[in-house]
C-alpha atoms as a PDB file:
ATOM      1  CA  MET A   1     -23.082 -31.833 -37.346  1.00  0.00           C
ATOM      2  CA  TRP A   2     -20.766 -30.831 -34.469  1.00  0.00           C
ATOM      3  CA  ARG A   3     -17.936 -33.978 -35.832  1.00  0.00           C
ATOM      4  CA  TRP A   4     -16.746 -31.892 -39.084  1.00  0.00           C
ATOM      5  CA  PRO A   5     -15.252 -29.073 -37.498  1.00  0.00           C
ATOM      6  CA  SER A   6     -13.726 -31.340 -35.082  1.00  0.00           C
ATOM      7  CA  VAL A   7     -12.184 -33.570 -37.341  1.00  0.00           C
ATOM      8  CA  LEU A   8     -10.647 -30.263 -39.023  1.00  0.00           C
ATOM      9  CA  ARG A   9      -9.236 -29.575 -36.091  1.00  0.00           C
ATOM     10  CA  LEU A  10      -7.391 -32.414 -35.530  1.00  0.00           C
ATOM     11  CA  PHE A  11      -5.863 -32.708 -38.751  1.00  0.00           C
ATOM     12  CA  THR A  12      -4.881 -29.889 -38.899  1.00  0.00           C
ATOM     13  CA  ALA A  13      -2.157 -28.575 -36.786  1.00  0.00           C
ATOM     14  CA  PRO A  14      -0.516 -31.902 -37.290  1.00  0.00           C
ATOM     15  CA  LEU A  15      -0.613 -31.659 -41.134  1.00  0.00           C
ATOM     16  CA  SER A  16       1.106 -28.370 -41.326  1.00  0.00           C
ATOM     17  CA  LEU A  17       4.113 -29.621 -38.961  1.00  0.00           C
ATOM     18  CA  LEU A  18       3.800 -32.577 -41.783  1.00  0.00           C
ATOM     19  CA  ILE A  19       4.286 -30.324 -44.173  1.00  0.00           C
ATOM     20  CA  GLY A  20       6.974 -28.557 -42.554  1.00  0.00           C
ATOM     21  CA  ALA A  21       9.098 -31.848 -42.177  1.00  0.00           C
ATOM     22  CA  ALA A  22       8.773 -32.315 -46.049  1.00  0.00           C
ATOM     23  CA  SER A  23      10.169 -28.955 -46.806  1.00  0.00           C
ATOM     24  CA  SER A  24      12.672 -30.184 -44.427  1.00  0.00           C
ATOM     25  CA  TRP A  25      14.167 -32.589 -46.571  1.00  0.00           C
ATOM     26  CA  ASP A  26      17.236 -32.455 -48.847  1.00  0.00           C
ATOM     27  CA  LEU A  27      16.298 -32.017 -52.317  1.00  0.00           C
ATOM     28  CA  SER A  28      19.746 -31.222 -53.917  1.00  0.00           C
ATOM     29  CA  GLY A  29      20.719 -34.743 -54.686  1.00  0.00           C
ATOM     30  CA  THR A  30      20.011 -38.230 -56.233  1.00  0.00           C
ATOM     31  CA  ILE A  31      18.690 -39.415 -52.718  1.00  0.00           C
ATOM     32  CA  LEU A  32      16.273 -37.768 -50.496  1.00  0.00           C
ATOM     33  CA  GLU A  33      17.862 -37.242 -47.035  1.00  0.00           C
ATOM     34  CA  PRO A  34      16.011 -35.840 -44.228  1.00  0.00           C
ATOM     35  CA  LEU A  35      17.593 -32.949 -42.599  1.00  0.00           C
ATOM     36  CA  PRO A  36      17.873 -32.547 -39.017  1.00  0.00           C
ATOM     37  CA  ASP A  37      14.564 -30.423 -38.438  1.00  0.00           C
ATOM     38  CA  SER A  38      12.867 -33.207 -39.927  1.00  0.00           C
ATOM     39  CA  ALA A  39      12.128 -35.394 -36.957  1.00  0.00           C
ATOM     40  CA  PHE A  40      11.846 -32.196 -34.854  1.00  0.00           C
ATOM     41  CA  TYR A  41       8.737 -31.410 -37.159  1.00  0.00           C
ATOM     42  CA  VAL A  42       7.540 -35.289 -36.755  1.00  0.00           C
ATOM     43  CA  GLY A  43       7.187 -35.419 -33.730  1.00  0.00           C
ATOM     44  CA  GLY A  44       5.663 -32.439 -33.098  1.00  0.00           C
ATOM     45  CA  ALA A  45       3.143 -33.667 -35.342  1.00  0.00           C
ATOM     46  CA  ILE A  46       2.644 -36.975 -33.483  1.00  0.00           C
ATOM     47  CA  PHE A  47       2.388 -35.042 -29.984  1.00  0.00           C
ATOM     48  CA  THR A  48      -0.037 -32.151 -31.362  1.00  0.00           C
ATOM     49  CA  LEU A  49      -2.213 -35.296 -33.068  1.00  0.00           C
ATOM     50  CA  VAL A  50      -2.054 -36.849 -29.574  1.00  0.00           C
ATOM     51  CA  ALA A  51      -3.189 -33.813 -27.501  1.00  0.00           C
ATOM     52  CA  VAL A  52      -5.571 -32.349 -30.159  1.00  0.00           C
ATOM     53  CA  ALA A  53      -7.764 -36.058 -29.823  1.00  0.00           C
ATOM     54  CA  GLY A  54      -7.250 -35.760 -26.158  1.00  0.00           C
ATOM     55  CA  ILE A  55      -9.104 -32.121 -25.724  1.00  0.00           C
ATOM     56  CA  GLU A  56     -11.284 -32.976 -28.854  1.00  0.00           C
ATOM     57  CA  TRP A  57     -12.537 -36.097 -26.527  1.00  0.00           C
ATOM     58  CA  PHE A  58     -13.178 -34.041 -23.503  1.00  0.00           C
ATOM     59  CA  THR A  59     -14.368 -31.117 -24.715  1.00  0.00           C
ATOM     60  CA  VAL A  60     -16.579 -32.390 -27.521  1.00  0.00           C
ATOM     61  CA  PHE A  61     -17.170 -35.985 -28.416  1.00  0.00           C
ATOM     62  CA  ARG A  62     -17.410 -37.302 -24.991  1.00  0.00           C
ATOM     63  CA  PRO A  63     -19.741 -34.284 -23.942  1.00  0.00           C
ATOM     64  CA  ALA A  64     -21.811 -34.884 -27.370  1.00  0.00           C
ATOM     65  CA  ARG A  65     -21.881 -38.679 -26.905  1.00  0.00           C
ATOM     66  CA  ARG A  66     -23.547 -38.244 -22.997  1.00  0.00           C
ATOM     67  CA  LEU A  67     -26.093 -36.109 -24.673  1.00  0.00           C
ATOM     68  CA  SER A  68     -26.726 -37.654 -27.798  1.00  0.00           C
ATOM     69  CA  HIS A  69     -27.792 -40.910 -24.954  1.00  0.00           C
ATOM     70  CA  ALA A  70     -29.994 -38.915 -23.045  1.00  0.00           C
ATOM     71  CA  ARG A  71     -31.764 -37.115 -26.075  1.00  0.00           C
ATOM     72  CA  GLY A  72     -33.835 -40.015 -26.376  1.00  0.00           C
ATOM     73  CA  ASP A  73     -35.045 -39.668 -23.419  1.00  0.00           C
ATOM     74  CA  VAL A  74     -35.570 -36.516 -22.924  1.00  0.00           C
ATOM     75  CA  LEU A  75     -38.175 -36.481 -26.276  1.00  0.00           C
ATOM     76  CA  ARG A  76     -39.467 -39.461 -25.003  1.00  0.00           C
ATOM     77  CA  ALA A  77     -40.931 -37.614 -21.847  1.00  0.00           C
ATOM     78  CA  VAL A  78     -41.942 -34.634 -23.912  1.00  0.00           C
ATOM     79  CA  THR A  79     -43.951 -36.296 -26.504  1.00  0.00           C
ATOM     80  CA  GLU A  80     -45.273 -38.209 -23.959  1.00  0.00           C
ATOM     81  CA  GLU A  81     -48.272 -36.031 -22.821  1.00  0.00           C
ATOM     82  CA  LEU A  82     -49.417 -35.538 -26.665  1.00  0.00           C
ATOM     83  CA  ARG A  83     -49.398 -38.893 -27.871  1.00  0.00           C
ATOM     84  CA  GLU A  84     -51.574 -40.174 -24.597  1.00  0.00           C
ATOM     85  CA  THR A  85     -54.012 -37.541 -25.290  1.00  0.00           C
ATOM     86  CA  ILE A  86     -54.357 -38.444 -29.043  1.00  0.00           C
ATOM     87  CA  ALA A  87     -54.665 -41.927 -28.108  1.00  0.00           C
ATOM     88  CA  SER A  88     -57.337 -41.822 -24.882  1.00  0.00           C
ATOM     89  CA  SER A  89     -59.572 -38.711 -26.709  1.00  0.00           C
ATOM     90  CA  LEU A  90     -59.320 -39.426 -30.426  1.00  0.00           C
ATOM     91  CA  GLN A  91     -58.757 -43.350 -30.044  1.00  0.00           C
ATOM     92  CA  VAL A  92     -55.999 -42.699 -32.518  1.00  0.00           C
ATOM     93  CA  THR A  93     -52.391 -44.239 -32.418  1.00  0.00           C
ATOM     94  CA  VAL A  94     -49.721 -42.109 -33.134  1.00  0.00           C
ATOM     95  CA  ARG A  95     -45.856 -42.096 -34.156  1.00  0.00           C
ATOM     96  CA  MET A  96     -43.378 -39.571 -34.307  1.00  0.00           C
ATOM     97  CA  ASN A  97     -39.813 -38.947 -35.438  1.00  0.00           C
ATOM     98  CA  VAL A  98     -37.134 -36.461 -36.059  1.00  0.00           C
ATOM     99  CA  MET A  99     -35.333 -36.596 -39.292  1.00  0.00           C
ATOM    100  CA  VAL A 100     -32.150 -34.344 -40.112  1.00  0.00           C
ATOM    101  CA  PRO A 101     -30.231 -33.983 -43.320  1.00  0.00           C
ATOM    102  CA  HIS A 102     -27.349 -36.703 -43.466  1.00  0.00           C
ATOM    103  CA  ARG A 103     -24.668 -37.390 -46.597  1.00  0.00           C
ATOM    104  CA  ARG A 104     -24.248 -40.677 -47.310  1.00  0.00           C
ATOM    105  CA  LEU A 105     -20.774 -42.007 -48.483  1.00  0.00           C
ATOM    106  CA  ARG A 106     -22.035 -43.580 -51.427  1.00  0.00           C
ATOM    107  CA  TRP A 107     -23.056 -40.451 -52.954  1.00  0.00           C
ATOM    108  CA  LEU A 108     -19.201 -39.563 -51.889  1.00  0.00           C
ATOM    109  CA  LEU A 109     -20.677 -37.317 -49.476  1.00  0.00           C
ATOM    110  CA  LEU A 110     -21.879 -35.020 -51.944  1.00  0.00           C
ATOM    111  CA  ARG A 111     -25.919 -35.357 -51.725  1.00  0.00           C
ATOM    112  CA  ARG A 112     -27.975 -35.237 -48.946  1.00  0.00           C
ATOM    113  CA  PHE A 113     -30.448 -37.330 -47.676  1.00  0.00           C
ATOM    114  CA  HIS A 114     -33.362 -36.840 -45.105  1.00  0.00           C
ATOM    115  CA  HIS A 115     -32.657 -39.807 -42.095  1.00  0.00           C
ATOM    116  CA  VAL A 116     -34.364 -40.882 -38.437  1.00  0.00           C
ATOM    117  CA  LEU A 117     -32.586 -39.145 -35.607  1.00  0.00           C
ATOM    118  CA  TRP A 118     -34.910 -40.153 -33.380  1.00  0.00           C
ATOM    119  CA  HIS A 119     -38.426 -42.281 -33.023  1.00  0.00           C
ATOM    120  CA  VAL A 120     -40.877 -43.388 -30.378  1.00  0.00           C
ATOM    121  CA  GLY A 121     -43.684 -45.752 -32.017  1.00  0.00           C
ATOM    122  CA  MET A 122     -41.770 -46.971 -35.124  1.00  0.00           C
ATOM    123  CA  GLU A 123     -40.022 -49.982 -33.747  1.00  0.00           C
ATOM    124  CA  ASN A 124     -39.912 -53.135 -35.745  1.00  0.00           C
ATOM    125  CA  LYS A 125     -41.997 -51.338 -38.587  1.00  0.00           C
ATOM    126  CA  PRO A 126     -40.289 -51.161 -42.247  1.00  0.00           C
ATOM    127  CA  ASP A 127     -39.866 -47.734 -42.393  1.00  0.00           C
ATOM    128  CA  VAL A 128     -37.609 -46.915 -39.029  1.00  0.00           C
ATOM    129  CA  ASN A 129     -34.638 -46.516 -40.484  1.00  0.00           C
ATOM    130  CA  VAL A 130     -35.751 -45.274 -43.898  1.00  0.00           C
ATOM    131  CA  GLN A 131     -33.815 -42.495 -46.060  1.00  0.00           C
ATOM    132  CA  PHE A 132     -34.777 -40.407 -48.806  1.00  0.00           C
ATOM    133  CA  PRO A 133     -33.458 -37.434 -51.048  1.00  0.00           C
ATOM    134  CA  MET A 134     -34.021 -33.894 -49.422  1.00  0.00           C
ATOM    135  CA  LYS A 135     -36.884 -32.642 -51.374  1.00  0.00           C
ATOM    136  CA  ARG A 136     -38.909 -35.566 -51.537  1.00  0.00           C
ATOM    137  CA  GLY A 137     -42.110 -36.470 -49.400  1.00  0.00           C
ATOM    138  CA  VAL A 138     -43.856 -33.971 -46.743  1.00  0.00           C
ATOM    139  CA  VAL A 139     -40.350 -33.854 -44.965  1.00  0.00           C
ATOM    140  CA  GLY A 140     -38.801 -32.491 -47.739  1.00  0.00           C
ATOM    141  CA  ARG A 141     -41.458 -30.174 -48.501  1.00  0.00           C
ATOM    142  CA  CYS A 142     -41.383 -29.099 -44.734  1.00  0.00           C
ATOM    143  CA  PHE A 143     -37.801 -28.572 -44.610  1.00  0.00           C
ATOM    144  CA  GLN A 144     -37.540 -26.708 -47.940  1.00  0.00           C
ATOM    145  CA  THR A 145     -40.309 -24.470 -47.054  1.00  0.00           C
ATOM    146  CA  GLY A 146     -39.725 -23.824 -43.313  1.00  0.00           C
ATOM    147  CA  ARG A 147     -43.175 -24.254 -42.773  1.00  0.00           C
ATOM    148  CA  PRO A 148     -45.258 -27.046 -41.390  1.00  0.00           C
ATOM    149  CA  VAL A 149     -46.768 -29.413 -44.057  1.00  0.00           C
ATOM    150  CA  PHE A 150     -49.320 -31.769 -43.780  1.00  0.00           C
ATOM    151  CA  ALA A 151     -50.834 -34.502 -45.479  1.00  0.00           C
ATOM    152  CA  ALA A 152     -53.670 -37.131 -46.176  1.00  0.00           C
ATOM    153  CA  GLU A 153     -53.683 -40.431 -47.490  1.00  0.00           C
ATOM    154  CA  GLU A 154     -54.590 -39.766 -51.047  1.00  0.00           C
ATOM    155  CA  ALA A 155     -51.257 -37.287 -51.494  1.00  0.00           C
ATOM    156  CA  LEU A 156     -49.299 -39.660 -49.817  1.00  0.00           C
ATOM    157  CA  SER A 157     -49.886 -42.729 -51.698  1.00  0.00           C
ATOM    158  CA  GLY A 158     -50.121 -40.406 -55.035  1.00  0.00           C
ATOM    159  CA  GLY A 159     -50.137 -37.037 -54.923  1.00  0.00           C
ATOM    160  CA  GLU A 160     -47.215 -34.494 -54.701  1.00  0.00           C
ATOM    161  CA  TYR A 161     -45.963 -36.065 -51.756  1.00  0.00           C
ATOM    162  CA  LYS A 162     -44.757 -39.710 -53.152  1.00  0.00           C
ATOM    163  CA  LEU A 163     -41.728 -40.855 -52.601  1.00  0.00           C
ATOM    164  CA  PRO A 164     -39.405 -43.093 -54.330  1.00  0.00           C
ATOM    165  CA  ARG A 165     -40.677 -46.473 -55.235  1.00  0.00           C
ATOM    166  CA  ARG A 166     -38.249 -48.593 -53.146  1.00  0.00           C
ATOM    167  CA  ILE A 167     -38.879 -46.181 -50.083  1.00  0.00           C
ATOM    168  CA  GLN A 168     -42.719 -45.708 -50.928  1.00  0.00           C
ATOM    169  CA  GLU A 169     -43.150 -49.715 -50.067  1.00  0.00           C
ATOM    170  CA  LYS A 170     -42.067 -48.947 -46.435  1.00  0.00           C
ATOM    171  CA  VAL A 171     -44.371 -46.431 -45.796  1.00  0.00           C
ATOM    172  CA  LYS A 172     -47.176 -47.357 -47.546  1.00  0.00           C
ATOM    173  CA  SER A 173     -49.381 -47.723 -44.498  1.00  0.00           C
ATOM    174  CA  VAL A 174     -48.847 -44.219 -43.329  1.00  0.00           C
ATOM    175  CA  THR A 175     -52.282 -42.521 -43.639  1.00  0.00           C
ATOM    176  CA  ALA A 176     -51.513 -38.864 -42.151  1.00  0.00           C
ATOM    177  CA  VAL A 177     -48.470 -37.219 -41.745  1.00  0.00           C
ATOM    178  CA  LEU A 178     -48.397 -33.923 -39.886  1.00  0.00           C
ATOM    179  CA  SER A 179     -44.862 -32.299 -40.137  1.00  0.00           C
ATOM    180  CA  TYR A 180     -42.600 -29.082 -38.316  1.00  0.00           C
ATOM    181  CA  PRO A 181     -39.881 -27.591 -39.066  1.00  0.00           C
ATOM    182  CA  ILE A 182     -37.315 -27.445 -36.079  1.00  0.00           C
ATOM    183  CA  TYR A 183     -34.859 -24.217 -36.202  1.00  0.00           C
ATOM    184  CA  GLU A 184     -31.962 -23.735 -35.120  1.00  0.00           C
ATOM    185  CA  PRO A 185     -31.852 -22.399 -31.247  1.00  0.00           C
ATOM    186  CA  SER A 186     -30.703 -19.092 -30.458  1.00  0.00           C
ATOM    187  CA  LYS A 187     -27.296 -18.176 -30.109  1.00  0.00           C
ATOM    188  CA  ARG A 188     -25.719 -16.179 -26.712  1.00  0.00           C
ATOM    189  CA  THR A 189     -27.132 -13.194 -28.239  1.00  0.00           C
ATOM    190  CA  GLY A 190     -30.838 -14.001 -28.195  1.00  0.00           C
ATOM    191  CA  ARG A 191     -31.233 -14.094 -31.803  1.00  0.00           C
ATOM    192  CA  GLN A 192     -31.666 -17.182 -34.060  1.00  0.00           C
ATOM    193  CA  ASN A 193     -30.543 -17.031 -37.679  1.00  0.00           C
ATOM    194  CA  GLY A 194     -33.543 -18.629 -39.217  1.00  0.00           C
ATOM    195  CA  ARG A 195     -31.877 -21.883 -40.487  1.00  0.00           C
ATOM    196  CA  VAL A 196     -34.084 -24.986 -40.100  1.00  0.00           C
ATOM    197  CA  VAL A 197     -31.598 -28.125 -39.112  1.00  0.00           C
ATOM    198  CA  GLY A 198     -34.679 -31.065 -39.267  1.00  0.00           C
ATOM    199  CA  VAL A 199     -38.482 -31.758 -39.214  1.00  0.00           C
ATOM    200  CA  LEU A 200     -40.488 -33.162 -36.543  1.00  0.00           C
ATOM    201  CA  THR A 201     -43.237 -35.705 -37.726  1.00  0.00           C
ATOM    202  CA  LEU A 202     -46.205 -37.239 -36.198  1.00  0.00           C
ATOM    203  CA  ASP A 203     -47.993 -39.880 -38.409  1.00  0.00           C
ATOM    204  CA  SER A 204     -50.599 -42.528 -37.911  1.00  0.00           C
ATOM    205  CA  GLU A 205     -51.623 -45.566 -39.372  1.00  0.00           C
ATOM    206  CA  GLN A 206     -55.246 -45.660 -38.535  1.00  0.00           C
ATOM    207  CA  HIS A 207     -57.188 -44.752 -41.318  1.00  0.00           C
ATOM    208  CA  GLY A 208     -59.468 -41.492 -41.175  1.00  0.00           C
ATOM    209  CA  ALA A 209     -56.635 -40.247 -38.288  1.00  0.00           C
ATOM    210  CA  PHE A 210     -56.201 -37.213 -40.638  1.00  0.00           C
ATOM    211  CA  ASP A 211     -59.156 -36.459 -40.513  1.00  0.00           C
ATOM    212  CA  LEU A 212     -59.801 -36.537 -36.804  1.00  0.00           C
ATOM    213  CA  LEU A 213     -56.171 -34.753 -36.224  1.00  0.00           C
ATOM    214  CA  THR A 214     -57.045 -32.083 -38.346  1.00  0.00           C
ATOM    215  CA  GLU A 215     -60.688 -31.267 -36.360  1.00  0.00           C
ATOM    216  CA  THR A 216     -60.323 -27.769 -34.961  1.00  0.00           C
ATOM    217  CA  LYS A 217     -60.317 -28.594 -31.563  1.00  0.00           C
ATOM    218  CA  ALA A 218     -57.775 -31.328 -31.559  1.00  0.00           C
ATOM    219  CA  PHE A 219     -55.472 -29.580 -34.246  1.00  0.00           C
ATOM    220  CA  GLU A 220     -55.609 -26.418 -31.787  1.00  0.00           C
ATOM    221  CA  PHE A 221     -54.382 -28.772 -29.183  1.00  0.00           C
ATOM    222  CA  VAL A 222     -51.121 -30.812 -31.781  1.00  0.00           C
ATOM    223  CA  ASP A 223     -50.554 -27.535 -33.503  1.00  0.00           C
ATOM    224  CA  LYS A 224     -49.566 -26.057 -30.081  1.00  0.00           C
ATOM    225  CA  LYS A 225     -47.682 -29.116 -28.617  1.00  0.00           C
ATOM    226  CA  MET A 226     -45.579 -29.709 -31.842  1.00  0.00           C
ATOM    227  CA  GLN A 227     -44.361 -26.110 -32.081  1.00  0.00           C
ATOM    228  CA  LEU A 228     -42.973 -26.471 -28.289  1.00  0.00           C
ATOM    229  CA  ILE A 229     -41.555 -30.047 -29.147  1.00  0.00           C
ATOM    230  CA  ALA A 230     -40.268 -29.033 -32.343  1.00  0.00           C
ATOM    231  CA  ALA A 231     -38.460 -26.039 -30.612  1.00  0.00           C
ATOM    232  CA  THR A 232     -37.242 -28.545 -27.731  1.00  0.00           C
ATOM    233  CA  ALA A 233     -35.789 -30.550 -30.114  1.00  0.00           C
ATOM    234  CA  GLY A 234     -33.815 -28.235 -32.090  1.00  0.00           C
ATOM    235  CA  HIS A 235     -31.297 -28.140 -29.102  1.00  0.00           C
ATOM    236  CA  PHE A 236     -30.252 -32.188 -29.637  1.00  0.00           C
ATOM    237  CA  ILE A 237     -29.614 -31.727 -33.160  1.00  0.00           C
ATOM    238  CA  PHE A 238     -26.094 -31.082 -33.192  1.00  0.00           C
END
């Protein structure tokens, strides 16, 4: 999300100078001839491009890269207690991931898809880098409504949360899904705008996991932790 404003800033100033350079060409003759001012505009465009690129690198790109590298460690740490508690008390192995909207180049950036930004427990699984249309699946419903959505195996395989066939083959082992919306954090004013920027999901491949996870006592703990983790994850989506 942070990339596009930086790219626009990077090219806007040099482009305006190049337009000035083009306007300084002599169009009166049969052969285009640059006027003396054109060299000034072209040189200014090159200098501006280099200067803005340097500023964007040090103020936006480099800090964002460092933060993205730290994201995995932070989210793994804040989810560790929840994953270990579920494993020890319920004997259920769970996976977790964060999915965010993403525009694919093959669709000329016109369509958005959910893609995995971070995950734990999904290593060497067919759905580790799965992508699917925005309105599909449990994640799609959660993102659209801005509310937690839970689904058992029956709803995932042939119900309202069924994914496209090519994706369904990759996630057919999943038996329980609990998805929570991730809201954009509050600004400096302390107010939120209510915009959903991603979805935090906890799932399992064990049979009977949904019933165990949604039992009253266990669910109170899971629900509270998932909401806290979703709030934390919002600070790492950019």
